[in-house]
Amino acid sequence: MAVILTESEAKALLQKVLSYSKADECEVNLSGEERGNIRYARNEVSTSGATINQNLQVQSSFGKKVGVATIDEFDDASLEKVVRRAEELAQLAPENPEHMGVLGPQQYLKTNGYFESTAKITPAIRAEAVAKSLETSGNQKLAAAGFLDDYRGFSAMMNSKGLFAYYPSTNVNFSLTVRTEDGTGSGYVTRGYSDFAKLDTAAASKIAVQKCLGSVGAKALEPGKYTVILEPTAAAVLLENLFFNMDARSADEGRSFLSKPGGKTKLGEKIVDERVTIYSDPTHPELPASPWSGDGRAQEKVNWIEKGVVKNMAYSRYWAQKKGVKAVPYPNNIIMAGGTASLADMIKNTQRGILVTKLWYIRSVDPQTLLLTGLTRDGTFYIENGKIKHPVKNFRFNESPVIMLNNLEALGKPERVVSTESDSNYLIPPMKIREFTFSSLSDAV
């Protein structure tokens, strides 16, 4: 049996699984994927691999008693067995007071996240992409370590009320760290696309090489508050902590940065600079995403923060029913609107500041203000009179993305970026922030 099923093949298999069900309600999720990767270090390929995976999950319910079972075998006997197992577990389970019944049929937006250029990647194509990268770094006696990972697959779901959803997708992520032979300079770059044809490993590698060579001989600057330009890679790992916390229930229960005293929330309030608009849209051509959420709800274009104002929060079906509001699913992609300036333009318009390539080791300090700490790395530079003057030693920072977006000076053009913390892809602009707090120096490169 093929790993990647067509829509009609997926539908036929799911119908067969549902035909075995004796539960009050049944929901079946099916996924299949093929992944390939190539890893290199010290300018040589170290591993090359591929994985294939297919998985079926059955959720059976009797009233509010729910059982879930999974399997990766697809003969008829195994399919029936996994349905029986889910039903047995449901009968043994205590009632879940928050269980909501399955949804009826939904209307989904049309979105295209599957590209043949990515689906057809072979080991030879991966090797060629890496060879172009190594050519760029190897010519200058630098040590390059990188990873290219591609995916093609699908997800589908069907339930006993007639809901059916199917979404095929592809993705490729590329990351590269380049270091000088003596280890005193380091540069980094990452790229992510649905369409492999957009990935230029040579051009990306040139950026990492440039950062690496430019970061040699870093000088120490006193910790304190600085104007910073955050490249999208650096901004993403801070902002995703805001994205992940747009949950209505935690806000209502007083556990979130969106909470207010007395059980109130900041819905409808301006919390950041009015130039900040954060939205999700499964049909966005640069960042396509599944048009349905994990429980089958349709994804729509949603403004989460519009011109600085909190417009929406994510509601589970249970919490939405309890509060008497529309259930808004958690988004499958996140886009932050920006301006038209390039990174070079932003540097040119900065009198004094620090350019940050990458932030890492992000840890939460205070969930209620979203205060985070972490470190700069792989190329941190001092800007003076619109030019990069010299590299600086790395800093530890203490900053909240909410405070940061209130200290906004400028936004550049949004770029698709891969989070170095979660591997999620976003569209995020470079941003210039005043009074960004660096708390101490770090000796790491």
Protein backbone atom coordinates (compact mmCIF):
# COMPACT_ATOMS: atom_id res chain seq x y z
CA MET A 1 0.00 0.00 0.00
CA ALA A 2 1.29 3.44 -0.93
CA VAL A 3 2.34 5.69 1.96
CA ILE A 4 0.92 8.88 0.43
CA LEU A 5 -2.75 8.24 -0.37
CA THR A 6 -4.85 10.26 -2.79
CA GLU A 7 -8.03 11.87 -1.50
CA SER A 8 -10.22 9.06 -2.86
CA GLU A 9 -7.91 6.33 -1.45
CA ALA A 10 -7.91 8.00 1.98
CA LYS A 11 -11.70 8.35 1.90
CA ALA A 12 -12.19 4.66 1.00
CA LEU A 13 -9.88 3.49 3.80
CA LEU A 14 -11.53 5.75 6.40
CA GLN A 15 -15.00 4.58 5.36
CA LYS A 16 -13.87 0.97 5.83
CA VAL A 17 -12.56 1.74 9.35
CA LEU A 18 -15.80 3.50 10.32
CA SER A 19 -17.83 0.53 9.08
CA TYR A 20 -16.38 -1.53 11.95
CA SER A 21 -17.48 0.97 14.62
CA LYS A 22 -20.13 0.03 17.21
CA ALA A 23 -19.59 3.13 19.39
CA ASP A 24 -22.05 6.04 19.76
CA GLU A 25 -19.57 8.17 17.83
CA CYS A 26 -16.29 7.47 16.07
CA GLU A 27 -13.59 9.72 14.61
CA VAL A 28 -10.66 8.42 12.56
CA ASN A 29 -7.45 10.28 11.72
CA LEU A 30 -5.06 9.03 9.05
CA SER A 31 -1.63 10.34 8.09
CA GLY A 32 1.21 9.25 5.82
CA GLU A 33 4.61 10.83 5.21
CA GLU A 34 7.94 10.38 3.50
CA ARG A 35 10.90 12.33 4.87
CA GLY A 36 14.46 12.63 3.63
CA ASN A 37 17.48 14.35 5.13
CA ILE A 38 21.16 15.00 4.68
CA ARG A 39 23.46 16.23 7.42
CA TYR A 40 27.00 17.57 7.10
CA ALA A 41 29.72 18.67 9.50
CA ARG A 42 33.33 19.81 9.06
CA ASN A 43 32.57 20.29 5.36
CA GLU A 44 31.67 16.63 4.82
CA VAL A 45 28.38 14.78 4.62
CA SER A 46 28.02 12.70 7.78
CA THR A 47 24.56 11.13 7.41
CA SER A 48 21.89 10.70 4.79
CA GLY A 49 18.56 9.19 5.66
CA ALA A 50 14.91 8.67 4.83
CA THR A 51 11.85 7.62 6.82
CA ILE A 52 8.37 6.55 5.81
CA ASN A 53 5.50 6.47 8.23
CA GLN A 54 1.79 5.80 8.15
CA ASN A 55 -0.50 6.07 11.12
CA LEU A 56 -4.16 5.56 11.89
CA GLN A 57 -5.85 6.83 15.06
CA VAL A 58 -9.35 5.81 16.13
CA GLN A 59 -11.33 7.72 18.77
CA SER A 60 -14.46 5.97 19.97
CA SER A 61 -16.96 7.40 22.44
CA PHE A 62 -19.92 6.12 24.41
CA GLY A 63 -21.58 9.24 25.80
CA LYS A 64 -18.72 11.14 27.48
CA LYS A 65 -16.50 8.07 27.85
CA VAL A 66 -13.71 8.23 25.25
CA GLY A 67 -11.03 5.78 24.13
CA VAL A 68 -8.23 6.27 21.59
CA ALA A 69 -6.11 3.61 19.86
CA THR A 70 -3.51 3.86 17.10
CA ILE A 71 -2.04 1.42 14.60
CA ASP A 72 0.32 1.37 11.61
CA GLU A 73 -0.92 -1.86 9.99
CA PHE A 74 -3.68 -1.64 7.40
CA ASP A 75 -4.98 -5.13 6.65
CA ASP A 76 -8.69 -5.63 7.42
CA ALA A 77 -8.10 -7.67 10.58
CA SER A 78 -5.79 -4.97 12.02
CA LEU A 79 -8.23 -2.20 11.16
CA GLU A 80 -11.06 -3.97 12.93
CA LYS A 81 -8.80 -4.75 15.88
CA VAL A 82 -7.84 -1.08 16.41
CA VAL A 83 -11.53 -0.04 16.37
CA ARG A 84 -12.36 -2.73 18.98
CA ARG A 85 -9.42 -1.62 21.12
CA ALA A 86 -10.59 2.03 21.08
CA GLU A 87 -14.09 0.88 22.08
CA GLU A 88 -12.76 -1.27 24.94
CA LEU A 89 -10.71 1.64 26.25
CA ALA A 90 -13.73 3.96 26.01
CA GLN A 91 -15.84 1.54 28.09
CA LEU A 92 -13.11 1.45 30.75
CA ALA A 93 -12.55 5.22 30.81
CA PRO A 94 -14.17 7.59 33.32
CA GLU A 95 -16.52 10.20 31.84
CA ASN A 96 -14.78 13.29 30.47
CA PRO A 97 -16.98 16.24 31.53
CA GLU A 98 -15.43 18.42 28.80
CA HIS A 99 -15.90 15.95 25.93
CA MET A 100 -17.70 17.44 22.94
CA GLY A 101 -19.34 15.20 20.35
CA VAL A 102 -17.91 14.97 16.84
CA LEU A 103 -18.65 17.70 14.29
CA GLY A 104 -20.86 17.34 11.25
CA PRO A 105 -19.58 18.05 7.70
CA GLN A 106 -17.61 21.31 7.33
CA GLN A 107 -16.81 23.69 4.48
CA TYR A 108 -13.04 24.09 4.03
CA LEU A 109 -11.06 26.76 2.19
CA LYS A 110 -9.01 25.71 -0.83
CA THR A 111 -5.30 25.85 -0.03
CA ASN A 112 -2.30 24.53 -1.92
CA GLY A 113 0.61 23.39 0.23
CA TYR A 114 1.80 20.47 -1.92
CA PHE A 115 4.58 21.12 -4.45
CA GLU A 116 5.94 18.52 -6.85
CA SER A 117 9.40 20.17 -6.68
CA THR A 118 9.59 19.12 -3.00
CA ALA A 119 7.74 15.81 -3.39
CA LYS A 120 10.26 14.69 -6.06
CA ILE A 121 13.43 15.36 -4.02
CA THR A 122 15.86 12.42 -4.28
CA PRO A 123 19.12 11.73 -2.37
CA ALA A 124 20.98 13.01 -5.45
CA ILE A 125 19.05 16.32 -5.41
CA ARG A 126 19.78 16.72 -1.67
CA ALA A 127 23.47 16.02 -2.27
CA GLU A 128 23.59 18.60 -5.08
CA ALA A 129 21.99 21.25 -2.83
CA VAL A 130 24.55 20.54 -0.10
CA ALA A 131 27.45 20.53 -2.60
CA LYS A 132 26.50 24.11 -3.60
CA SER A 133 26.53 25.10 0.06
CA LEU A 134 29.90 23.44 0.75
CA GLU A 135 31.44 25.09 -2.31
CA THR A 136 30.62 28.46 -0.76
CA SER A 137 32.16 27.73 2.65
CA GLY A 138 34.92 25.29 1.66
CA ASN A 139 36.73 27.81 -0.56
CA GLN A 140 37.53 29.99 2.47
CA LYS A 141 38.90 27.43 4.97
CA LEU A 142 35.77 27.54 7.08
CA ALA A 143 34.02 24.67 8.86
CA ALA A 144 30.41 24.22 7.75
CA ALA A 145 27.77 22.12 9.53
CA GLY A 146 24.27 21.96 8.09
CA PHE A 147 21.05 20.02 7.80
CA LEU A 148 18.52 19.72 4.98
CA ASP A 149 15.24 17.99 5.79
CA ASP A 150 12.32 17.53 3.38
CA TYR A 151 8.80 16.22 3.89
CA ARG A 152 5.87 15.15 1.76
CA GLY A 153 2.73 13.73 3.22
CA PHE A 154 -0.98 14.04 3.90
CA SER A 155 -3.45 14.03 6.75
CA ALA A 156 -7.10 13.04 6.58
CA MET A 157 -9.99 12.59 8.97
CA MET A 158 -13.52 11.23 8.88
CA ASN A 159 -16.17 10.73 11.52
CA SER A 160 -19.49 8.99 12.04
CA LYS A 161 -21.42 12.22 11.36
CA GLY A 162 -20.15 12.48 7.78
CA LEU A 163 -17.26 14.92 8.22
CA PHE A 164 -14.36 14.30 5.83
CA ALA A 165 -11.15 16.34 5.51
CA TYR A 166 -8.00 15.76 3.46
CA TYR A 167 -4.84 17.86 3.08
CA PRO A 168 -1.57 16.98 1.31
CA SER A 169 1.53 19.12 1.97
CA THR A 170 5.28 19.43 1.43
CA ASN A 171 8.04 21.27 3.26
CA VAL A 172 11.82 21.68 3.20
CA ASN A 173 13.96 23.20 5.96
CA PHE A 174 17.63 24.09 5.56
CA SER A 175 19.99 25.36 8.26
CA LEU A 176 23.71 26.04 8.28
CA THR A 177 26.32 27.11 10.84
CA VAL A 178 29.73 28.21 9.54
CA ARG A 179 32.74 28.65 11.85
CA THR A 180 36.32 29.83 11.40
CA GLU A 181 39.03 27.20 11.85
CA ASP A 182 40.04 28.68 15.23
CA GLY A 183 36.41 28.80 16.38
CA THR A 184 36.39 32.55 17.05
CA GLY A 185 33.87 33.43 14.30
CA SER A 186 30.43 31.92 13.71
CA GLY A 187 27.62 32.62 11.25
CA TYR A 188 24.17 31.09 10.82
CA VAL A 189 21.36 30.96 8.29
CA THR A 190 18.09 29.06 8.03
CA ARG A 191 15.49 28.78 5.27
CA GLY A 192 12.12 27.05 5.04
CA TYR A 193 9.77 26.62 2.06
CA SER A 194 6.83 24.55 0.88
CA ASP A 195 8.29 24.76 -2.64
CA PHE A 196 11.85 23.41 -2.94
CA ALA A 197 12.35 25.45 -6.13
CA LYS A 198 12.59 28.56 -3.90
CA LEU A 199 15.54 27.23 -1.88
CA ASP A 200 18.93 28.59 -2.97
CA THR A 201 21.46 26.89 -0.69
CA ALA A 202 24.41 28.75 -2.26
CA ALA A 203 22.88 32.20 -1.65
CA ALA A 204 21.85 31.23 1.90
CA SER A 205 25.32 29.84 2.62
CA LYS A 206 26.95 33.10 1.49
CA ILE A 207 25.04 34.90 4.25
CA ALA A 208 26.31 32.45 6.91
CA VAL A 209 29.89 32.79 5.56
CA GLN A 210 29.65 36.59 5.62
CA LYS A 211 28.37 36.52 9.23
CA CYS A 212 31.11 34.06 10.22
CA LEU A 213 33.97 36.13 8.79
CA GLY A 214 32.43 39.36 10.09
CA SER A 215 32.08 38.06 13.64
CA VAL A 216 35.83 37.49 14.22
CA GLY A 217 37.43 39.78 16.80
CA ALA A 218 34.25 40.62 18.72
CA LYS A 219 34.52 43.47 21.23
CA ALA A 220 32.73 43.58 24.57
CA LEU A 221 29.97 46.17 25.01
CA GLU A 222 28.52 47.01 28.42
CA PRO A 223 25.19 45.25 29.05
CA GLY A 224 22.20 47.62 29.19
CA LYS A 225 19.34 48.86 27.05
CA TYR A 226 20.09 49.16 23.33
CA THR A 227 18.33 49.81 20.06
CA VAL A 228 18.39 46.44 18.30
CA ILE A 229 17.58 45.20 14.82
CA LEU A 230 16.27 41.66 15.10
CA GLU A 231 16.53 39.55 11.97
CA PRO A 232 13.37 37.45 11.41
CA THR A 233 15.19 34.33 12.73
CA ALA A 234 15.88 36.12 16.01
CA ALA A 235 12.43 37.72 16.26
CA ALA A 236 10.59 34.42 15.61
CA VAL A 237 11.77 32.67 18.79
CA LEU A 238 10.52 35.57 20.92
CA LEU A 239 7.24 36.17 19.09
CA GLU A 240 6.20 32.52 19.02
CA ASN A 241 5.86 32.69 22.80
CA LEU A 242 3.17 35.31 22.20
CA PHE A 243 1.56 33.26 19.40
CA PHE A 244 1.42 30.12 21.58
CA ASN A 245 -0.36 32.00 24.37
CA MET A 246 -3.37 33.44 22.54
CA ASP A 247 -5.60 30.98 24.42
CA ALA A 248 -8.92 32.23 25.80
CA ARG A 249 -9.25 29.76 28.65
CA SER A 250 -5.88 30.55 30.25
CA ALA A 251 -6.70 34.27 29.88
CA ASP A 252 -10.14 33.80 31.47
CA GLU A 253 -8.63 31.77 34.29
CA GLY A 254 -6.00 34.41 35.11
CA ARG A 255 -2.98 32.43 33.89
CA SER A 256 -1.96 34.48 30.86
CA PHE A 257 -0.46 37.75 29.68
CA LEU A 258 -3.97 38.44 28.32
CA SER A 259 -5.54 38.15 31.80
CA LYS A 260 -6.85 41.06 33.86
CA PRO A 261 -7.90 41.16 37.52
CA GLY A 262 -11.42 39.97 38.32
CA GLY A 263 -11.56 37.27 35.64
CA LYS A 264 -11.44 39.82 32.79
CA THR A 265 -9.20 39.70 29.70
CA LYS A 266 -7.51 42.14 27.34
CA LEU A 267 -9.73 41.16 24.38
CA GLY A 268 -10.49 44.38 22.49
CA GLU A 269 -7.63 46.28 24.13
CA LYS A 270 -4.54 47.78 22.53
CA ILE A 271 -1.55 45.92 23.97
CA VAL A 272 1.23 46.69 21.44
CA ASP A 273 2.24 49.33 18.87
CA GLU A 274 -0.50 50.07 16.32
CA ARG A 275 1.80 48.99 13.46
CA VAL A 276 1.56 45.40 14.75
CA THR A 277 -0.93 43.14 12.95
CA ILE A 278 -0.67 39.39 13.51
CA TYR A 279 -2.99 37.06 11.62
CA SER A 280 -3.41 33.51 10.34
CA ASP A 281 -4.55 32.50 6.87
CA PRO A 282 -4.30 28.90 5.60
CA THR A 283 -4.48 30.12 1.98
CA HIS A 284 -1.45 32.45 2.21
CA PRO A 285 0.69 31.61 -0.87
CA GLU A 286 4.02 32.02 0.98
CA LEU A 287 2.96 29.97 4.01
CA PRO A 288 0.14 27.59 3.05
CA ALA A 289 -1.38 25.52 5.85
CA SER A 290 -4.06 22.92 6.46
CA PRO A 291 -7.58 24.39 6.10
CA TRP A 292 -8.79 22.37 9.09
CA SER A 293 -7.73 22.08 12.72
CA GLY A 294 -7.06 18.90 14.69
CA ASP A 295 -10.71 18.44 15.70
CA GLY A 296 -11.99 19.07 12.17
CA ARG A 297 -13.05 22.70 12.58
CA ALA A 298 -12.57 24.84 9.48
CA GLN A 299 -9.66 27.29 9.56
CA GLU A 300 -10.40 30.82 8.33
CA LYS A 301 -8.38 33.98 8.00
CA VAL A 302 -8.27 35.36 11.56
CA ASN A 303 -6.79 38.62 12.84
CA TRP A 304 -5.36 37.89 16.30
CA ILE A 305 -3.85 41.33 16.85
CA GLU A 306 -4.96 44.10 14.50
CA LYS A 307 -3.26 47.50 14.65
CA GLY A 308 -2.07 46.66 18.15
CA VAL A 309 -5.49 45.55 19.44
CA VAL A 310 -6.29 41.99 20.61
CA LYS A 311 -9.09 40.96 18.24
CA ASN A 312 -9.35 37.20 18.81
CA MET A 313 -8.29 34.42 21.15
CA ALA A 314 -8.35 30.68 20.53
CA TYR A 315 -11.35 28.85 22.01
CA SER A 316 -11.76 25.10 22.33
CA ARG A 317 -15.31 23.97 21.51
CA TYR A 318 -15.95 23.23 25.20
CA TRP A 319 -14.73 26.63 26.43
CA ALA A 320 -16.59 28.48 23.66
CA GLN A 321 -19.83 26.72 24.59
CA LYS A 322 -19.28 27.53 28.28
CA LYS A 323 -18.70 31.21 27.45
CA GLY A 324 -21.40 31.42 24.78
CA VAL A 325 -19.05 32.53 22.00
CA LYS A 326 -17.84 31.22 18.62
CA ALA A 327 -15.24 28.43 18.87
CA VAL A 328 -12.07 29.74 17.16
CA PRO A 329 -9.50 26.98 16.54
CA TYR A 330 -5.81 27.45 17.22
CA PRO A 331 -4.19 28.58 13.93
CA ASN A 332 -2.11 26.35 11.64
CA ASN A 333 0.09 29.25 10.50
CA ILE A 334 1.01 32.73 11.77
CA ILE A 335 1.89 35.81 9.75
CA MET A 336 3.04 39.17 11.08
CA ALA A 337 2.45 42.06 8.72
CA GLY A 338 5.41 44.38 8.17
CA GLY A 339 6.62 47.32 6.15
CA THR A 340 8.55 47.58 2.89
CA ALA A 341 12.07 48.21 4.23
CA SER A 342 14.85 45.66 3.71
CA LEU A 343 17.26 44.70 6.47
CA ALA A 344 19.93 46.82 4.72
CA ASP A 345 17.56 49.83 4.77
CA MET A 346 16.97 49.39 8.49
CA ILE A 347 20.70 49.24 9.22
CA LYS A 348 21.25 52.35 7.06
CA ASN A 349 18.68 54.27 9.11
CA THR A 350 20.19 53.37 12.50
CA GLN A 351 22.51 55.81 14.25
CA ARG A 352 23.57 53.44 17.02
CA GLY A 353 22.34 49.93 17.59
CA ILE A 354 23.00 46.19 17.61
CA LEU A 355 22.16 43.75 14.83
CA VAL A 356 21.09 40.33 16.18
CA THR A 357 21.26 37.32 13.84
CA LYS A 358 20.00 34.62 16.16
CA LEU A 359 18.70 34.08 19.68
CA TRP A 360 18.71 30.72 21.42
CA TYR A 361 18.18 28.88 24.71
CA ILE A 362 14.90 30.76 25.22
CA ARG A 363 13.42 30.23 28.68
CA SER A 364 10.35 31.68 30.38
CA VAL A 365 10.96 33.97 33.38
CA ASP A 366 7.41 35.22 34.01
CA PRO A 367 4.46 33.74 32.05
CA GLN A 368 2.10 36.58 33.02
CA THR A 369 4.23 39.25 31.36
CA LEU A 370 5.81 36.80 28.85
CA LEU A 371 9.23 37.82 30.17
CA LEU A 372 11.87 35.63 28.49
CA THR A 373 15.60 35.13 28.77
CA GLY A 374 18.13 33.70 26.34
CA LEU A 375 21.37 34.43 24.49
CA THR A 376 22.54 35.94 21.21
CA ARG A 377 24.81 33.84 18.98
CA ASP A 378 26.28 33.30 15.49
CA GLY A 379 26.84 36.95 14.61
CA THR A 380 26.03 39.98 16.78
CA PHE A 381 27.16 43.35 15.41
CA TYR A 382 27.45 46.99 16.51
CA ILE A 383 25.90 49.55 14.13
CA GLU A 384 27.10 53.16 14.02
CA ASN A 385 25.97 55.89 11.62
CA GLY A 386 24.07 53.44 9.42
CA LYS A 387 26.93 50.95 9.00
CA ILE A 388 28.03 47.76 10.71
CA LYS A 389 31.09 48.92 12.64
CA HIS A 390 32.36 45.75 14.34
CA PRO A 391 31.22 42.44 15.88
CA VAL A 392 30.32 42.40 19.57
CA LYS A 393 30.50 39.69 22.22
CA ASN A 394 27.29 37.83 22.84
CA PHE A 395 24.75 38.93 25.42
CA ARG A 396 22.15 37.36 27.68
CA PHE A 397 18.85 39.22 27.27
CA ASN A 398 15.77 39.64 29.47
CA GLU A 399 12.83 40.82 27.39
CA SER A 400 9.12 40.30 26.79
CA PRO A 401 7.74 40.22 23.23
CA VAL A 402 4.84 42.36 24.49
CA ILE A 403 7.16 45.09 25.83
CA MET A 404 9.32 44.71 22.73
CA LEU A 405 6.34 45.34 20.41
CA ASN A 406 5.54 48.49 22.39
CA ASN A 407 9.09 49.75 21.77
CA LEU A 408 8.86 49.28 18.03
CA GLU A 409 10.74 51.73 15.81
CA ALA A 410 10.48 50.10 12.39
CA LEU A 411 9.26 46.98 10.61
CA GLY A 412 10.81 45.49 7.49
CA LYS A 413 9.43 43.21 4.80
CA PRO A 414 8.08 39.86 6.17
CA GLU A 415 10.11 36.76 5.31
CA ARG A 416 9.38 33.07 5.74
CA VAL A 417 11.50 31.90 8.64
CA VAL A 418 12.12 28.71 10.61
CA SER A 419 12.08 28.94 14.41
CA THR A 420 15.33 27.54 15.79
CA GLU A 421 13.44 26.55 18.96
CA SER A 422 10.32 24.81 17.59
CA ASP A 423 11.10 24.20 13.86
CA SER A 424 7.79 25.95 13.04
CA ASN A 425 7.67 28.15 9.93
CA TYR A 426 6.33 31.71 10.17
CA LEU A 427 6.22 34.88 8.08
CA ILE A 428 7.92 37.57 10.19
CA PRO A 429 9.51 40.93 9.34
CA PRO A 430 12.88 42.14 10.60
CA MET A 431 12.22 44.70 13.31
CA LYS A 432 13.96 47.60 14.97
CA ILE A 433 13.32 47.85 18.72
CA ARG A 434 14.43 50.54 21.15
CA GLU A 435 15.46 49.83 24.75
CA PHE A 436 15.97 46.10 24.31
CA THR A 437 17.41 44.77 27.58
CA PHE A 438 20.78 42.98 27.58
CA SER A 439 21.48 41.83 31.15
CA SER A 440 24.99 40.32 30.95
CA LEU A 441 27.80 39.23 28.62
CA SER A 442 28.37 35.70 27.33
CA ASP A 443 31.76 34.33 26.28
CA ALA A 444 30.27 31.82 23.85
CA VAL A 445 30.78 32.48 20.13
